[in-house]
Amino acid sequence: MADDTQWYYQISTGAVTKGKVGDVFDRMGPYPDEATARRALEIAAARNAAADAQDESDD
């Protein structure tokens, strides 16, 4: 999939963009569509919670 067809979430502004826009350190993604990119923070929080739970079960 080409970069210009993927969606990204801009951390500093909350903007969702099609294609790589802005600094790599201010960008989350890629995501397959705009709706998924808009949920970037929610998706990251869920992944972090799952990883934390796994870490706790490994102890």
N, C-alpha and C. Protein backbone atom coordinates (compact mmCIF):
# COMPACT_ATOMS: atom_id res chain seq x y z
N MET A 1 0.86 -1.19 0.00
CA MET A 1 0.00 0.00 0.00
C MET A 1 0.89 1.24 0.00
N ALA A 2 0.64 2.12 -0.87
CA ALA A 2 1.44 3.35 -0.97
C ALA A 2 1.15 4.28 0.21
N ASP A 3 2.17 5.03 0.62
CA ASP A 3 2.01 5.93 1.76
C ASP A 3 0.91 6.96 1.56
N ASP A 4 0.68 7.39 0.32
CA ASP A 4 -0.32 8.44 0.09
C ASP A 4 -1.75 7.93 0.17
N THR A 5 -1.93 6.63 0.34
CA THR A 5 -3.28 6.09 0.51
C THR A 5 -3.55 5.71 1.95
N GLN A 6 -2.57 5.90 2.82
CA GLN A 6 -2.73 5.56 4.23
C GLN A 6 -3.00 6.83 5.03
N TRP A 7 -3.58 6.64 6.20
CA TRP A 7 -4.00 7.75 7.04
C TRP A 7 -3.15 7.81 8.30
N TYR A 8 -2.95 9.03 8.80
CA TYR A 8 -2.11 9.26 9.97
C TYR A 8 -2.80 10.23 10.93
N TYR A 9 -2.47 10.09 12.21
CA TYR A 9 -2.97 10.98 13.25
C TYR A 9 -1.82 11.87 13.70
N GLN A 10 -2.02 13.18 13.69
CA GLN A 10 -1.00 14.14 14.11
C GLN A 10 -1.19 14.43 15.60
N ILE A 11 -0.23 14.02 16.41
CA ILE A 11 -0.35 14.10 17.86
C ILE A 11 -0.53 15.53 18.36
N SER A 12 0.26 16.46 17.85
CA SER A 12 0.24 17.84 18.38
C SER A 12 -1.05 18.59 18.05
N THR A 13 -1.68 18.25 16.94
CA THR A 13 -2.87 19.00 16.52
C THR A 13 -4.16 18.19 16.59
N GLY A 14 -4.05 16.88 16.62
CA GLY A 14 -5.23 16.03 16.58
C GLY A 14 -5.80 15.88 15.18
N ALA A 15 -5.08 16.42 14.20
CA ALA A 15 -5.55 16.34 12.81
C ALA A 15 -5.30 14.94 12.26
N VAL A 16 -6.16 14.55 11.35
CA VAL A 16 -6.00 13.30 10.61
C VAL A 16 -5.67 13.66 9.18
N THR A 17 -4.61 13.06 8.66
CA THR A 17 -4.17 13.40 7.32
C THR A 17 -4.02 12.15 6.46
N LYS A 18 -4.20 12.34 5.18
CA LYS A 18 -3.96 11.26 4.23
C LYS A 18 -2.55 11.44 3.70
N GLY A 19 -1.71 10.44 3.91
CA GLY A 19 -0.31 10.55 3.53
C GLY A 19 0.52 11.09 4.69
N LYS A 20 1.82 10.92 4.56
CA LYS A 20 2.74 11.37 5.61
C LYS A 20 2.89 12.88 5.56
N VAL A 21 2.38 13.54 6.58
CA VAL A 21 2.46 14.99 6.70
C VAL A 21 3.10 15.29 8.05
N GLY A 22 4.02 16.21 8.06
CA GLY A 22 4.63 16.62 9.32
C GLY A 22 5.75 15.68 9.76
N ASP A 23 6.21 15.94 10.97
CA ASP A 23 7.34 15.24 11.55
C ASP A 23 6.99 13.82 11.96
N VAL A 24 7.90 12.91 11.74
CA VAL A 24 7.69 11.50 12.09
C VAL A 24 7.42 11.33 13.59
N PHE A 25 7.98 12.18 14.43
CA PHE A 25 7.79 12.07 15.87
C PHE A 25 6.44 12.63 16.32
N ASP A 26 5.69 13.23 15.43
CA ASP A 26 4.38 13.81 15.73
C ASP A 26 3.27 13.07 14.98
N ARG A 27 3.57 11.85 14.55
CA ARG A 27 2.64 11.14 13.67
C ARG A 27 2.42 9.73 14.19
N MET A 28 1.16 9.30 14.23
CA MET A 28 0.82 7.92 14.56
C MET A 28 0.21 7.29 13.32
N GLY A 29 0.55 6.07 13.07
CA GLY A 29 0.01 5.38 11.91
C GLY A 29 1.08 4.58 11.22
N PRO A 30 0.77 4.03 10.12
CA PRO A 30 -0.38 4.31 9.26
C PRO A 30 -1.62 3.52 9.68
N TYR A 31 -2.75 4.03 9.25
CA TYR A 31 -4.05 3.40 9.45
C TYR A 31 -4.69 3.22 8.08
N PRO A 32 -5.56 2.22 7.95
CA PRO A 32 -6.13 1.92 6.63
C PRO A 32 -7.16 2.93 6.14
N ASP A 33 -7.77 3.67 7.08
CA ASP A 33 -8.80 4.62 6.68
C ASP A 33 -8.89 5.77 7.68
N GLU A 34 -9.63 6.79 7.31
CA GLU A 34 -9.74 8.00 8.14
C GLU A 34 -10.38 7.70 9.49
N ALA A 35 -11.43 6.90 9.50
CA ALA A 35 -12.13 6.60 10.75
C ALA A 35 -11.20 5.91 11.76
N THR A 36 -10.40 5.01 11.29
CA THR A 36 -9.46 4.31 12.18
C THR A 36 -8.39 5.27 12.67
N ALA A 37 -7.89 6.14 11.82
CA ALA A 37 -6.89 7.13 12.22
C ALA A 37 -7.45 8.05 13.30
N ARG A 38 -8.71 8.40 13.21
CA ARG A 38 -9.34 9.27 14.22
C ARG A 38 -9.37 8.59 15.59
N ARG A 39 -9.30 7.26 15.61
CA ARG A 39 -9.30 6.50 16.86
C ARG A 39 -7.89 6.15 17.33
N ALA A 40 -6.87 6.81 16.80
CA ALA A 40 -5.48 6.46 17.08
C ALA A 40 -5.17 6.43 18.58
N LEU A 41 -5.59 7.42 19.31
CA LEU A 41 -5.29 7.47 20.75
C LEU A 41 -6.01 6.35 21.49
N GLU A 42 -7.25 6.09 21.10
CA GLU A 42 -8.03 5.00 21.70
C GLU A 42 -7.36 3.65 21.42
N ILE A 43 -6.93 3.46 20.19
CA ILE A 43 -6.26 2.21 19.80
C ILE A 43 -4.96 2.05 20.58
N ALA A 44 -4.18 3.11 20.69
CA ALA A 44 -2.92 3.05 21.43
C ALA A 44 -3.16 2.74 22.90
N ALA A 45 -4.18 3.35 23.49
CA ALA A 45 -4.49 3.10 24.90
C ALA A 45 -4.88 1.64 25.11
N ALA A 46 -5.66 1.08 24.21
CA ALA A 46 -6.07 -0.32 24.32
C ALA A 46 -4.86 -1.25 24.18
N ARG A 47 -3.97 -0.94 23.25
CA ARG A 47 -2.76 -1.76 23.08
C ARG A 47 -1.87 -1.68 24.31
N ASN A 48 -1.75 -0.48 24.87
CA ASN A 48 -0.94 -0.32 26.08
C ASN A 48 -1.53 -1.09 27.25
N ALA A 49 -2.85 -1.05 27.40
CA ALA A 49 -3.51 -1.78 28.48
C ALA A 49 -3.30 -3.28 28.31
N ALA A 50 -3.39 -3.78 27.09
CA ALA A 50 -3.17 -5.20 26.83
C ALA A 50 -1.73 -5.59 27.14
N ALA A 51 -0.78 -4.74 26.76
CA ALA A 51 0.63 -5.02 27.03
C ALA A 51 0.91 -4.98 28.53
N ASP A 52 0.30 -4.03 29.24
CA ASP A 52 0.47 -3.95 30.69
C ASP A 52 -0.09 -5.19 31.37
N ALA A 53 -1.24 -5.65 30.92
CA ALA A 53 -1.85 -6.86 31.49
C ALA A 53 -0.95 -8.07 31.23
N GLN A 54 -0.38 -8.15 30.04
CA GLN A 54 0.53 -9.25 29.72
C GLN A 54 1.77 -9.19 30.61
N ASP A 55 2.31 -7.99 30.81
CA ASP A 55 3.48 -7.82 31.67
C ASP A 55 3.18 -8.29 33.09
N GLU A 56 1.99 -7.94 33.60
CA GLU A 56 1.61 -8.34 34.95
C GLU A 56 1.47 -9.85 35.06
N SER A 57 0.94 -10.49 34.03
CA SER A 57 0.76 -11.94 34.08
C SER A 57 2.09 -12.68 33.92
N ASP A 58 3.09 -12.01 33.35
CA ASP A 58 4.41 -12.62 33.19
C ASP A 58 5.22 -12.60 34.48
N ASP A 59 4.82 -11.75 35.43
CA ASP A 59 5.58 -11.62 36.69
C ASP A 59 5.37 -12.79 37.61
